[in-house]
Amino acid sequence: MEKESRKEPYKIIIEGGTGQIEEKKSVFIANTTPVQTEEEAIAYIETMKKKYWDARHNCYAYILGDKAQVVRFSDDGEPSGTAGKPILEVLLGMEVRNVMIVVTRYFGGTLLGTGGLVRAYTQAAKAGMENSRIATMIYGVCLHITTDYNGIGKIQYILGMRNITIEEPSYTDVVSLKVKVPYEAQESIRKEITEATAGKARIEQAESLYFIQE
């Protein structure tokens, strides 16, 4: 349990986006998408290559795993270190995981030089991320709460004050509901609910998990 409490939050994208910049008539188009596996990442790269079949370069970077266990990038024909790594640095700097960016370049006829390429791919990647929907994954526990009808209003108030969403409510002879709470907050939430319901609410812990913080 002690190890679980030290699991760090991380960011993901829950909806991909597109960004575009132009540098000396070269057009850089960044497309982002959430990915869970290398197979998904590779498939997305192929999709972008087909979409932009007439482009000179489709450079990319992706990160998989909550601790960035898998990191890949490609310059796709650009000078080494001028495309894939700058794209990757944008993702690492934003601490986003399970994400990939493909930056497509249409050559405008003017060489940009090493520094120019690094700046252009960095700016394009940032533009793509700015147009993506980003959320934070935090580590916590799932609690199943059962109470009588006298206690549900108090519980709803406690959870509402913490912006915790009630999931799967069931109203029979008792009220049952499920909530996901941050790991470090679970004990104080248990205490508040127990005190507010005079110990009548039953609170059971299910699994520990990462979940999206709204």
N, C-alpha and C. Protein backbone atom coordinates (compact mmCIF):
# COMPACT_ATOMS: atom_id res chain seq x y z
N MET A 1 0.83 -1.21 0.00
CA MET A 1 0.00 0.00 0.00
C MET A 1 0.86 1.25 0.00
N GLU A 2 2.02 1.20 0.66
CA GLU A 2 2.88 2.36 0.72
C GLU A 2 3.38 2.74 -0.67
N LYS A 3 3.72 1.72 -1.48
CA LYS A 3 4.19 2.00 -2.83
C LYS A 3 3.10 2.66 -3.66
N GLU A 4 1.87 2.21 -3.50
CA GLU A 4 0.77 2.75 -4.27
C GLU A 4 0.61 4.26 -4.01
N SER A 5 0.84 4.70 -2.79
CA SER A 5 0.64 6.09 -2.44
C SER A 5 1.61 7.02 -3.16
N ARG A 6 2.70 6.45 -3.69
CA ARG A 6 3.70 7.28 -4.35
C ARG A 6 3.53 7.30 -5.86
N LYS A 7 2.52 6.69 -6.38
CA LYS A 7 2.30 6.72 -7.83
C LYS A 7 1.96 8.14 -8.26
N GLU A 8 2.69 8.63 -9.24
CA GLU A 8 2.55 10.03 -9.64
C GLU A 8 1.47 10.20 -10.69
N PRO A 9 0.83 11.38 -10.71
CA PRO A 9 -0.13 11.67 -11.77
C PRO A 9 0.60 11.89 -13.10
N TYR A 10 -0.11 11.71 -14.18
CA TYR A 10 0.46 12.01 -15.50
C TYR A 10 -0.68 12.47 -16.41
N LYS A 11 -0.30 13.04 -17.55
CA LYS A 11 -1.30 13.57 -18.47
C LYS A 11 -1.48 12.65 -19.67
N ILE A 12 -2.66 12.68 -20.24
CA ILE A 12 -2.95 11.97 -21.48
C ILE A 12 -3.74 12.92 -22.38
N ILE A 13 -3.86 12.57 -23.64
CA ILE A 13 -4.82 13.29 -24.47
C ILE A 13 -6.03 12.38 -24.67
N ILE A 14 -7.19 12.95 -24.51
CA ILE A 14 -8.41 12.16 -24.69
C ILE A 14 -9.08 12.49 -26.02
N GLU A 15 -8.51 13.45 -26.71
CA GLU A 15 -8.99 13.75 -28.06
C GLU A 15 -7.84 14.40 -28.82
N GLY A 16 -7.49 13.82 -29.97
CA GLY A 16 -6.39 14.34 -30.76
C GLY A 16 -6.74 15.66 -31.42
N GLY A 17 -5.70 16.32 -31.92
CA GLY A 17 -5.90 17.61 -32.58
C GLY A 17 -4.91 17.79 -33.72
N THR A 18 -5.06 18.89 -34.43
CA THR A 18 -4.19 19.21 -35.57
C THR A 18 -3.71 20.65 -35.44
N GLY A 19 -2.43 20.86 -35.72
CA GLY A 19 -1.86 22.20 -35.73
C GLY A 19 -0.99 22.38 -36.96
N GLN A 20 -0.87 23.59 -37.43
CA GLN A 20 -0.09 23.83 -38.65
C GLN A 20 0.69 25.13 -38.54
N ILE A 21 1.94 25.09 -39.00
CA ILE A 21 2.74 26.31 -39.09
C ILE A 21 3.40 26.35 -40.47
N GLU A 22 3.88 27.52 -40.83
CA GLU A 22 4.60 27.67 -42.10
C GLU A 22 5.92 28.38 -41.83
N GLU A 23 6.99 27.86 -42.42
CA GLU A 23 8.32 28.44 -42.24
C GLU A 23 9.02 28.46 -43.60
N LYS A 24 9.25 29.65 -44.14
CA LYS A 24 9.91 29.82 -45.44
C LYS A 24 9.28 28.93 -46.50
N LYS A 25 7.95 29.00 -46.54
CA LYS A 25 7.12 28.29 -47.52
C LYS A 25 7.04 26.78 -47.31
N SER A 26 7.79 26.24 -46.33
CA SER A 26 7.57 24.84 -45.94
C SER A 26 6.40 24.80 -44.97
N VAL A 27 5.49 23.87 -45.19
CA VAL A 27 4.31 23.72 -44.33
C VAL A 27 4.50 22.50 -43.43
N PHE A 28 4.29 22.69 -42.13
CA PHE A 28 4.42 21.62 -41.15
C PHE A 28 3.04 21.38 -40.52
N ILE A 29 2.53 20.17 -40.67
CA ILE A 29 1.20 19.82 -40.15
C ILE A 29 1.36 18.75 -39.08
N ALA A 30 0.95 19.07 -37.86
CA ALA A 30 1.05 18.13 -36.75
C ALA A 30 -0.32 17.52 -36.45
N ASN A 31 -0.35 16.20 -36.35
CA ASN A 31 -1.56 15.48 -35.95
C ASN A 31 -1.25 14.67 -34.70
N THR A 32 -2.11 14.76 -33.69
CA THR A 32 -1.91 14.02 -32.44
C THR A 32 -3.03 13.01 -32.25
N THR A 33 -2.73 11.96 -31.51
CA THR A 33 -3.76 10.96 -31.20
C THR A 33 -3.36 10.20 -29.94
N PRO A 34 -4.34 9.75 -29.15
CA PRO A 34 -4.02 8.85 -28.03
C PRO A 34 -3.69 7.46 -28.56
N VAL A 35 -2.70 6.80 -27.99
CA VAL A 35 -2.35 5.43 -28.36
C VAL A 35 -2.05 4.64 -27.10
N GLN A 36 -2.38 3.37 -27.13
CA GLN A 36 -2.14 2.49 -25.98
C GLN A 36 -1.06 1.45 -26.25
N THR A 37 -0.81 1.15 -27.52
CA THR A 37 0.16 0.11 -27.88
C THR A 37 1.02 0.57 -29.05
N GLU A 38 2.14 -0.12 -29.26
CA GLU A 38 2.99 0.20 -30.41
C GLU A 38 2.28 -0.12 -31.71
N GLU A 39 1.44 -1.15 -31.70
CA GLU A 39 0.69 -1.49 -32.91
C GLU A 39 -0.22 -0.34 -33.32
N GLU A 40 -0.87 0.28 -32.34
CA GLU A 40 -1.73 1.43 -32.64
C GLU A 40 -0.91 2.59 -33.19
N ALA A 41 0.26 2.81 -32.60
CA ALA A 41 1.12 3.90 -33.04
C ALA A 41 1.58 3.70 -34.47
N ILE A 42 2.03 2.50 -34.78
CA ILE A 42 2.51 2.20 -36.13
C ILE A 42 1.38 2.34 -37.15
N ALA A 43 0.19 1.87 -36.77
CA ALA A 43 -0.96 1.99 -37.66
C ALA A 43 -1.30 3.45 -37.93
N TYR A 44 -1.18 4.29 -36.92
CA TYR A 44 -1.49 5.71 -37.09
C TYR A 44 -0.47 6.38 -38.01
N ILE A 45 0.80 6.00 -37.87
CA ILE A 45 1.83 6.54 -38.76
C ILE A 45 1.50 6.19 -40.21
N GLU A 46 1.12 4.95 -40.44
CA GLU A 46 0.79 4.53 -41.80
C GLU A 46 -0.42 5.29 -42.34
N THR A 47 -1.38 5.55 -41.46
CA THR A 47 -2.57 6.31 -41.87
C THR A 47 -2.18 7.72 -42.30
N MET A 48 -1.29 8.35 -41.55
CA MET A 48 -0.85 9.71 -41.89
C MET A 48 -0.05 9.72 -43.19
N LYS A 49 0.76 8.68 -43.39
CA LYS A 49 1.55 8.61 -44.63
C LYS A 49 0.64 8.47 -45.85
N LYS A 50 -0.45 7.75 -45.69
CA LYS A 50 -1.40 7.62 -46.80
C LYS A 50 -2.17 8.91 -47.02
N LYS A 51 -2.52 9.57 -45.91
CA LYS A 51 -3.27 10.83 -46.02
C LYS A 51 -2.43 11.91 -46.70
N TYR A 52 -1.16 11.97 -46.30
CA TYR A 52 -0.25 12.98 -46.86
C TYR A 52 0.77 12.29 -47.77
N TRP A 53 0.28 11.54 -48.72
CA TRP A 53 1.13 10.70 -49.57
C TRP A 53 2.12 11.50 -50.39
N ASP A 54 1.80 12.77 -50.65
CA ASP A 54 2.64 13.59 -51.51
C ASP A 54 3.62 14.45 -50.70
N ALA A 55 3.66 14.26 -49.38
CA ALA A 55 4.58 15.04 -48.54
C ALA A 55 5.97 14.40 -48.55
N ARG A 56 6.98 15.22 -48.28
CA ARG A 56 8.35 14.73 -48.30
C ARG A 56 8.70 13.98 -47.01
N HIS A 57 8.18 14.44 -45.87
CA HIS A 57 8.54 13.82 -44.59
C HIS A 57 7.31 13.67 -43.70
N ASN A 58 7.25 12.55 -42.98
CA ASN A 58 6.26 12.33 -41.92
C ASN A 58 7.03 11.88 -40.68
N CYS A 59 7.45 12.86 -39.90
CA CYS A 59 8.27 12.60 -38.71
C CYS A 59 7.36 12.40 -37.50
N TYR A 60 7.82 11.64 -36.52
CA TYR A 60 6.92 11.35 -35.41
C TYR A 60 7.66 11.09 -34.11
N ALA A 61 6.88 11.07 -33.05
CA ALA A 61 7.34 10.64 -31.73
C ALA A 61 6.13 10.11 -30.97
N TYR A 62 6.36 9.08 -30.16
CA TYR A 62 5.28 8.62 -29.28
C TYR A 62 5.84 8.09 -27.97
N ILE A 63 4.99 8.16 -26.95
CA ILE A 63 5.34 7.72 -25.59
C ILE A 63 4.22 6.82 -25.08
N LEU A 64 4.60 5.66 -24.57
CA LEU A 64 3.62 4.72 -24.01
C LEU A 64 3.97 4.42 -22.55
N GLY A 65 2.93 4.24 -21.75
CA GLY A 65 3.13 3.86 -20.35
C GLY A 65 3.11 5.04 -19.41
N ASP A 66 2.62 4.83 -18.20
CA ASP A 66 2.49 5.91 -17.23
C ASP A 66 3.83 6.48 -16.81
N LYS A 67 4.91 5.68 -16.95
CA LYS A 67 6.25 6.16 -16.63
C LYS A 67 7.12 6.27 -17.89
N ALA A 68 6.46 6.42 -19.03
CA ALA A 68 7.16 6.54 -20.32
C ALA A 68 8.06 5.33 -20.56
N GLN A 69 7.49 4.14 -20.35
CA GLN A 69 8.28 2.91 -20.52
C GLN A 69 8.72 2.70 -21.96
N VAL A 70 7.93 3.17 -22.92
CA VAL A 70 8.27 3.02 -24.34
C VAL A 70 8.32 4.41 -24.97
N VAL A 71 9.46 4.73 -25.58
CA VAL A 71 9.65 6.02 -26.24
C VAL A 71 10.24 5.75 -27.63
N ARG A 72 9.60 6.28 -28.66
CA ARG A 72 10.09 6.11 -30.02
C ARG A 72 9.98 7.44 -30.77
N PHE A 73 10.91 7.65 -31.72
CA PHE A 73 10.81 8.82 -32.57
C PHE A 73 11.55 8.57 -33.88
N SER A 74 11.21 9.35 -34.89
CA SER A 74 11.83 9.19 -36.21
C SER A 74 11.96 10.53 -36.90
N ASP A 75 13.12 10.72 -37.58
CA ASP A 75 13.34 11.92 -38.38
C ASP A 75 12.81 11.75 -39.81
N ASP A 76 12.53 10.52 -40.20
CA ASP A 76 11.96 10.22 -41.53
C ASP A 76 12.67 10.98 -42.66
N GLY A 77 13.99 10.89 -42.68
CA GLY A 77 14.73 11.49 -43.78
C GLY A 77 15.26 12.89 -43.53
N GLU A 78 14.77 13.55 -42.48
CA GLU A 78 15.33 14.85 -42.12
C GLU A 78 16.70 14.62 -41.48
N PRO A 79 17.56 15.65 -41.45
CA PRO A 79 18.87 15.49 -40.78
C PRO A 79 18.70 14.98 -39.35
N SER A 80 19.59 14.10 -38.95
CA SER A 80 19.49 13.45 -37.64
C SER A 80 19.36 14.46 -36.50
N GLY A 81 18.33 14.22 -35.66
CA GLY A 81 18.13 15.05 -34.48
C GLY A 81 17.34 16.33 -34.70
N THR A 82 16.86 16.56 -35.94
CA THR A 82 16.18 17.83 -36.22
C THR A 82 14.66 17.74 -36.19
N ALA A 83 14.11 16.53 -36.10
CA ALA A 83 12.65 16.39 -36.20
C ALA A 83 12.05 15.53 -35.09
N GLY A 84 12.37 14.23 -35.12
CA GLY A 84 11.78 13.32 -34.15
C GLY A 84 12.06 13.69 -32.70
N LYS A 85 13.33 14.01 -32.42
CA LYS A 85 13.68 14.34 -31.04
C LYS A 85 13.02 15.63 -30.56
N PRO A 86 13.02 16.71 -31.36
CA PRO A 86 12.29 17.92 -30.93
C PRO A 86 10.80 17.66 -30.67
N ILE A 87 10.20 16.82 -31.49
CA ILE A 87 8.79 16.47 -31.27
C ILE A 87 8.64 15.75 -29.93
N LEU A 88 9.54 14.79 -29.70
CA LEU A 88 9.52 14.03 -28.45
C LEU A 88 9.71 14.96 -27.25
N GLU A 89 10.60 15.93 -27.37
CA GLU A 89 10.86 16.85 -26.26
C GLU A 89 9.61 17.63 -25.86
N VAL A 90 8.77 17.95 -26.83
CA VAL A 90 7.52 18.63 -26.52
C VAL A 90 6.64 17.74 -25.63
N LEU A 91 6.54 16.46 -25.99
CA LEU A 91 5.72 15.53 -25.20
C LEU A 91 6.30 15.33 -23.81
N LEU A 92 7.61 15.16 -23.73
CA LEU A 92 8.25 14.96 -22.43
C LEU A 92 8.10 16.20 -21.55
N GLY A 93 8.23 17.37 -22.17
CA GLY A 93 8.10 18.61 -21.41
C GLY A 93 6.71 18.82 -20.84
N MET A 94 5.70 18.32 -21.56
CA MET A 94 4.31 18.45 -21.10
C MET A 94 3.90 17.30 -20.19
N GLU A 95 4.79 16.31 -20.04
CA GLU A 95 4.53 15.12 -19.20
C GLU A 95 3.28 14.38 -19.65
N VAL A 96 3.14 14.24 -20.97
CA VAL A 96 1.99 13.53 -21.53
C VAL A 96 2.42 12.10 -21.86
N ARG A 97 1.52 11.16 -21.62
CA ARG A 97 1.81 9.76 -21.89
C ARG A 97 0.72 9.16 -22.80
N ASN A 98 1.03 7.99 -23.35
CA ASN A 98 0.09 7.30 -24.25
C ASN A 98 -0.39 8.23 -25.36
N VAL A 99 0.58 8.82 -26.03
CA VAL A 99 0.28 9.85 -27.02
C VAL A 99 1.29 9.76 -28.15
N MET A 100 0.87 10.18 -29.34
CA MET A 100 1.83 10.30 -30.42
C MET A 100 1.51 11.52 -31.27
N ILE A 101 2.57 12.04 -31.89
CA ILE A 101 2.44 13.15 -32.83
C ILE A 101 3.15 12.76 -34.12
N VAL A 102 2.46 12.98 -35.23
CA VAL A 102 3.10 12.88 -36.54
C VAL A 102 3.12 14.29 -37.14
N VAL A 103 4.31 14.76 -37.48
CA VAL A 103 4.43 16.08 -38.11
C VAL A 103 4.83 15.87 -39.57
N THR A 104 3.95 16.28 -40.45
CA THR A 104 4.14 16.15 -41.89
C THR A 104 4.72 17.44 -42.44
N ARG A 105 5.74 17.31 -43.28
CA ARG A 105 6.35 18.50 -43.88
C ARG A 105 6.20 18.49 -45.39
N TYR A 106 5.64 19.59 -45.89
CA TYR A 106 5.65 19.85 -47.33
C TYR A 106 6.77 20.85 -47.59
N PHE A 107 7.79 20.42 -48.33
CA PHE A 107 8.97 21.24 -48.56
C PHE A 107 8.65 22.44 -49.44
N GLY A 108 9.09 23.61 -48.98
CA GLY A 108 8.78 24.84 -49.70
C GLY A 108 9.86 25.34 -50.63
N GLY A 109 10.96 24.57 -50.76
CA GLY A 109 12.00 24.95 -51.69
C GLY A 109 13.19 25.66 -51.06
N THR A 110 13.07 26.05 -49.79
CA THR A 110 14.16 26.74 -49.11
C THR A 110 14.67 25.89 -47.95
N LEU A 111 15.96 25.64 -47.90
CA LEU A 111 16.53 24.87 -46.80
C LEU A 111 16.47 25.69 -45.51
N LEU A 112 16.08 25.06 -44.43
CA LEU A 112 15.91 25.77 -43.16
C LEU A 112 17.13 25.67 -42.26
N GLY A 113 18.02 24.74 -42.54
CA GLY A 113 19.17 24.55 -41.65
C GLY A 113 18.76 23.77 -40.41
N THR A 114 19.76 23.29 -39.70
CA THR A 114 19.50 22.46 -38.52
C THR A 114 18.65 23.19 -37.48
N GLY A 115 19.05 24.39 -37.11
CA GLY A 115 18.31 25.15 -36.10
C GLY A 115 16.90 25.48 -36.55
N GLY A 116 16.76 25.82 -37.82
CA GLY A 116 15.43 26.15 -38.34
C GLY A 116 14.49 24.97 -38.32
N LEU A 117 15.03 23.79 -38.64
CA LEU A 117 14.20 22.59 -38.60
C LEU A 117 13.76 22.25 -37.18
N VAL A 118 14.69 22.33 -36.25
CA VAL A 118 14.36 22.05 -34.85
C VAL A 118 13.25 22.98 -34.37
N ARG A 119 13.39 24.26 -34.66
CA ARG A 119 12.35 25.23 -34.24
C ARG A 119 11.02 24.94 -34.90
N ALA A 120 11.05 24.63 -36.18
CA ALA A 120 9.80 24.40 -36.92
C ALA A 120 9.07 23.15 -36.41
N TYR A 121 9.80 22.07 -36.22
CA TYR A 121 9.15 20.84 -35.74
C TYR A 121 8.65 21.01 -34.30
N THR A 122 9.41 21.76 -33.51
CA THR A 122 8.97 22.03 -32.13
C THR A 122 7.69 22.85 -32.13
N GLN A 123 7.66 23.91 -32.92
CA GLN A 123 6.47 24.77 -32.97
C GLN A 123 5.26 24.03 -33.50
N ALA A 124 5.48 23.17 -34.51
CA ALA A 124 4.36 22.41 -35.06
C ALA A 124 3.80 21.43 -34.03
N ALA A 125 4.72 20.74 -33.32
CA ALA A 125 4.27 19.80 -32.28
C ALA A 125 3.48 20.51 -31.20
N LYS A 126 3.96 21.68 -30.78
CA LYS A 126 3.24 22.45 -29.76
C LYS A 126 1.86 22.87 -30.27
N ALA A 127 1.78 23.26 -31.54
CA ALA A 127 0.50 23.66 -32.12
C ALA A 127 -0.48 22.50 -32.13
N GLY A 128 0.03 21.30 -32.45
CA GLY A 128 -0.83 20.12 -32.43
C GLY A 128 -1.34 19.82 -31.03
N MET A 129 -0.47 19.92 -30.03
CA MET A 129 -0.88 19.65 -28.66
C MET A 129 -1.83 20.71 -28.13
N GLU A 130 -1.65 21.95 -28.54
CA GLU A 130 -2.54 23.02 -28.09
C GLU A 130 -3.97 22.78 -28.57
N ASN A 131 -4.12 22.08 -29.67
CA ASN A 131 -5.45 21.80 -30.21
C ASN A 131 -5.96 20.41 -29.82
N SER A 132 -5.27 19.78 -28.89
CA SER A 132 -5.70 18.48 -28.37
C SER A 132 -6.39 18.66 -27.03
N ARG A 133 -7.22 17.70 -26.68
CA ARG A 133 -7.89 17.74 -25.38
C ARG A 133 -7.08 16.91 -24.39
N ILE A 134 -6.55 17.59 -23.38
CA ILE A 134 -5.64 16.95 -22.43
C ILE A 134 -6.32 16.77 -21.07
N ALA A 135 -6.08 15.64 -20.44
CA ALA A 135 -6.62 15.38 -19.10
C ALA A 135 -5.51 14.81 -18.22
N THR A 136 -5.72 14.85 -16.92
CA THR A 136 -4.75 14.32 -15.96
C THR A 136 -5.24 12.99 -15.40
N MET A 137 -4.36 12.01 -15.40
CA MET A 137 -4.66 10.72 -14.78
C MET A 137 -4.06 10.73 -13.37
N ILE A 138 -4.90 10.49 -12.38
CA ILE A 138 -4.40 10.43 -11.01
C ILE A 138 -4.66 9.04 -10.43
N TYR A 139 -3.83 8.67 -9.49
CA TYR A 139 -3.95 7.34 -8.88
C TYR A 139 -4.88 7.40 -7.68
N GLY A 140 -5.75 6.42 -7.58
CA GLY A 140 -6.70 6.42 -6.48
C GLY A 140 -7.33 5.06 -6.26
N VAL A 141 -8.45 5.08 -5.58
CA VAL A 141 -9.17 3.85 -5.28
C VAL A 141 -10.63 4.01 -5.64
N CYS A 142 -11.25 2.89 -5.93
CA CYS A 142 -12.68 2.86 -6.19
C CYS A 142 -13.39 2.43 -4.90
N LEU A 143 -14.34 3.23 -4.45
CA LEU A 143 -15.08 2.92 -3.23
C LEU A 143 -16.54 2.61 -3.57
N HIS A 144 -17.06 1.56 -2.99
CA HIS A 144 -18.48 1.23 -3.09
C HIS A 144 -19.14 1.66 -1.77
N ILE A 145 -20.13 2.52 -1.87
CA ILE A 145 -20.78 3.07 -0.67
C ILE A 145 -22.24 2.65 -0.64
N THR A 146 -22.68 2.17 0.47
CA THR A 146 -24.09 1.81 0.66
C THR A 146 -24.62 2.58 1.87
N THR A 147 -25.79 3.19 1.73
CA THR A 147 -26.36 3.99 2.81
C THR A 147 -27.88 3.92 2.76
N ASP A 148 -28.50 4.40 3.83
CA ASP A 148 -29.96 4.51 3.79
C ASP A 148 -30.32 5.86 3.17
N TYR A 149 -31.61 6.09 2.98
CA TYR A 149 -32.04 7.31 2.29
C TYR A 149 -31.80 8.57 3.13
N ASN A 150 -31.67 8.40 4.43
CA ASN A 150 -31.37 9.56 5.27
C ASN A 150 -29.93 10.05 5.06
N GLY A 151 -29.05 9.14 4.67
CA GLY A 151 -27.64 9.50 4.56
C GLY A 151 -27.20 9.96 3.19
N ILE A 152 -28.00 9.70 2.14
CA ILE A 152 -27.52 9.96 0.79
C ILE A 152 -27.29 11.46 0.53
N GLY A 153 -28.15 12.31 1.07
CA GLY A 153 -27.98 13.75 0.86
C GLY A 153 -26.67 14.25 1.45
N LYS A 154 -26.32 13.76 2.64
CA LYS A 154 -25.08 14.17 3.28
C LYS A 154 -23.86 13.68 2.48
N ILE A 155 -23.97 12.46 1.97
CA ILE A 155 -22.87 11.90 1.18
C ILE A 155 -22.71 12.68 -0.13
N GLN A 156 -23.83 12.99 -0.78
CA GLN A 156 -23.77 13.76 -2.02
C GLN A 156 -23.12 15.12 -1.77
N TYR A 157 -23.41 15.72 -0.65
CA TYR A 157 -22.82 17.03 -0.32
C TYR A 157 -21.31 16.91 -0.14
N ILE A 158 -20.86 15.90 0.61
CA ILE A 158 -19.43 15.69 0.85
C ILE A 158 -18.69 15.46 -0.46
N LEU A 159 -19.26 14.60 -1.30
CA LEU A 159 -18.60 14.29 -2.58
C LEU A 159 -18.63 15.50 -3.51
N GLY A 160 -19.73 16.22 -3.50
CA GLY A 160 -19.86 17.40 -4.35
C GLY A 160 -18.85 18.47 -4.01
N MET A 161 -18.57 18.64 -2.71
CA MET A 161 -17.59 19.64 -2.28
C MET A 161 -16.19 19.31 -2.79
N ARG A 162 -15.95 18.04 -3.06
CA ARG A 162 -14.64 17.61 -3.56
C ARG A 162 -14.66 17.36 -5.07
N ASN A 163 -15.75 17.70 -5.72
CA ASN A 163 -15.89 17.50 -7.17
C ASN A 163 -15.69 16.04 -7.57
N ILE A 164 -16.21 15.14 -6.74
CA ILE A 164 -16.13 13.70 -7.03
C ILE A 164 -17.44 13.24 -7.65
N THR A 165 -17.34 12.61 -8.80
CA THR A 165 -18.52 12.17 -9.54
C THR A 165 -19.05 10.86 -8.99
N ILE A 166 -20.37 10.80 -8.78
CA ILE A 166 -21.02 9.57 -8.35
C ILE A 166 -21.31 8.71 -9.58
N GLU A 167 -20.91 7.45 -9.51
CA GLU A 167 -21.11 6.53 -10.63
C GLU A 167 -22.04 5.39 -10.21
N GLU A 168 -22.81 4.92 -11.16
CA GLU A 168 -23.66 3.75 -10.99
C GLU A 168 -24.52 3.78 -9.73
N PRO A 169 -25.28 4.87 -9.50
CA PRO A 169 -26.16 4.89 -8.33
C PRO A 169 -27.30 3.87 -8.48
N SER A 170 -27.65 3.24 -7.40
CA SER A 170 -28.73 2.26 -7.40
C SER A 170 -29.64 2.55 -6.21
N TYR A 171 -30.92 2.70 -6.49
CA TYR A 171 -31.89 3.05 -5.45
C TYR A 171 -32.87 1.89 -5.26
N THR A 172 -32.66 1.13 -4.21
CA THR A 172 -33.58 0.04 -3.86
C THR A 172 -34.07 0.31 -2.44
N ASP A 173 -33.98 -0.69 -1.56
CA ASP A 173 -34.31 -0.42 -0.16
C ASP A 173 -33.20 0.38 0.49
N VAL A 174 -32.01 0.37 -0.15
CA VAL A 174 -30.89 1.22 0.27
C VAL A 174 -30.35 1.92 -0.98
N VAL A 175 -29.43 2.84 -0.77
CA VAL A 175 -28.81 3.52 -1.90
C VAL A 175 -27.36 3.03 -2.01
N SER A 176 -26.99 2.58 -3.22
CA SER A 176 -25.62 2.12 -3.47
C SER A 176 -25.01 2.99 -4.56
N LEU A 177 -23.74 3.30 -4.42
CA LEU A 177 -23.06 4.08 -5.44
C LEU A 177 -21.58 3.77 -5.45
N LYS A 178 -20.93 4.17 -6.53
CA LYS A 178 -19.50 3.94 -6.69
C LYS A 178 -18.82 5.28 -6.96
N VAL A 179 -17.65 5.47 -6.35
CA VAL A 179 -16.89 6.70 -6.59
C VAL A 179 -15.41 6.35 -6.72
N LYS A 180 -14.70 7.16 -7.48
CA LYS A 180 -13.24 7.04 -7.57
C LYS A 180 -12.66 8.26 -6.88
N VAL A 181 -11.77 8.00 -5.93
CA VAL A 181 -11.22 9.11 -5.13
C VAL A 181 -9.70 9.05 -5.17
N PRO A 182 -9.04 10.22 -5.07
CA PRO A 182 -7.57 10.23 -5.03
C PRO A 182 -7.06 9.40 -3.86
N TYR A 183 -5.94 8.72 -4.07
CA TYR A 183 -5.41 7.81 -3.07
C TYR A 183 -5.19 8.50 -1.73
N GLU A 184 -4.61 9.70 -1.78
CA GLU A 184 -4.27 10.38 -0.53
C GLU A 184 -5.50 10.96 0.18
N ALA A 185 -6.66 10.98 -0.51
CA ALA A 185 -7.86 11.57 0.07
C ALA A 185 -8.82 10.54 0.63
N GLN A 186 -8.56 9.27 0.40
CA GLN A 186 -9.55 8.25 0.74
C GLN A 186 -9.86 8.19 2.23
N GLU A 187 -8.84 8.32 3.09
CA GLU A 187 -9.09 8.19 4.52
C GLU A 187 -9.94 9.35 5.05
N SER A 188 -9.66 10.57 4.58
CA SER A 188 -10.44 11.71 5.05
C SER A 188 -11.88 11.63 4.54
N ILE A 189 -12.07 11.13 3.32
CA ILE A 189 -13.42 10.98 2.78
C ILE A 189 -14.19 9.91 3.55
N ARG A 190 -13.53 8.81 3.86
CA ARG A 190 -14.17 7.76 4.68
C ARG A 190 -14.61 8.34 6.03
N LYS A 191 -13.73 9.11 6.65
CA LYS A 191 -14.00 9.68 7.97
C LYS A 191 -15.19 10.64 7.90
N GLU A 192 -15.20 11.50 6.89
CA GLU A 192 -16.29 12.48 6.75
C GLU A 192 -17.63 11.79 6.56
N ILE A 193 -17.65 10.78 5.68
CA ILE A 193 -18.91 10.07 5.42
C ILE A 193 -19.36 9.30 6.65
N THR A 194 -18.43 8.65 7.34
CA THR A 194 -18.78 7.89 8.54
C THR A 194 -19.37 8.81 9.61
N GLU A 195 -18.73 9.97 9.82
CA GLU A 195 -19.22 10.92 10.83
C GLU A 195 -20.57 11.51 10.43
N ALA A 196 -20.72 11.84 9.14
CA ALA A 196 -21.96 12.49 8.68
C ALA A 196 -23.16 11.55 8.76
N THR A 197 -22.91 10.24 8.62
CA THR A 197 -24.02 9.26 8.64
C THR A 197 -24.07 8.50 9.96
N ALA A 198 -23.33 8.96 10.96
CA ALA A 198 -23.29 8.31 12.28
C ALA A 198 -22.92 6.83 12.15
N GLY A 199 -22.02 6.54 11.22
CA GLY A 199 -21.53 5.19 11.07
C GLY A 199 -22.46 4.24 10.33
N LYS A 200 -23.56 4.78 9.77
CA LYS A 200 -24.53 3.89 9.10
C LYS A 200 -24.13 3.54 7.67
N ALA A 201 -23.33 4.39 7.05
CA ALA A 201 -22.89 4.10 5.67
C ALA A 201 -21.83 3.00 5.68
N ARG A 202 -21.94 2.08 4.73
CA ARG A 202 -20.93 1.03 4.60
C ARG A 202 -20.03 1.39 3.41
N ILE A 203 -18.74 1.40 3.65
CA ILE A 203 -17.78 1.78 2.61
C ILE A 203 -16.82 0.63 2.38
N GLU A 204 -16.80 0.14 1.15
CA GLU A 204 -15.91 -0.97 0.80
C GLU A 204 -14.98 -0.52 -0.32
N GLN A 205 -13.70 -0.87 -0.18
CA GLN A 205 -12.74 -0.52 -1.22
C GLN A 205 -12.69 -1.63 -2.25
N ALA A 206 -12.80 -1.24 -3.52
CA ALA A 206 -12.63 -2.20 -4.62
C ALA A 206 -11.18 -2.11 -5.10
N GLU A 207 -10.97 -1.90 -6.38
CA GLU A 207 -9.61 -1.91 -6.89
C GLU A 207 -8.93 -0.55 -6.78
N SER A 208 -7.60 -0.56 -6.80
CA SER A 208 -6.82 0.65 -6.95
C SER A 208 -6.57 0.86 -8.44
N LEU A 209 -6.55 2.11 -8.89
CA LEU A 209 -6.50 2.36 -10.32
C LEU A 209 -6.13 3.79 -10.63
N TYR A 210 -5.73 4.03 -11.87
CA TYR A 210 -5.59 5.38 -12.39
C TYR A 210 -6.93 5.78 -12.99
N PHE A 211 -7.32 7.03 -12.81
CA PHE A 211 -8.55 7.50 -13.44
C PHE A 211 -8.39 8.95 -13.84
N ILE A 212 -9.25 9.39 -14.75
CA ILE A 212 -9.18 10.76 -15.26
C ILE A 212 -9.75 11.73 -14.24
N GLN A 213 -8.97 12.75 -13.96
CA GLN A 213 -9.44 13.81 -13.08
C GLN A 213 -10.15 14.86 -13.92
N GLU A 214 -11.43 15.01 -13.72
CA GLU A 214 -12.21 15.97 -14.53
C GLU A 214 -11.85 17.39 -14.17
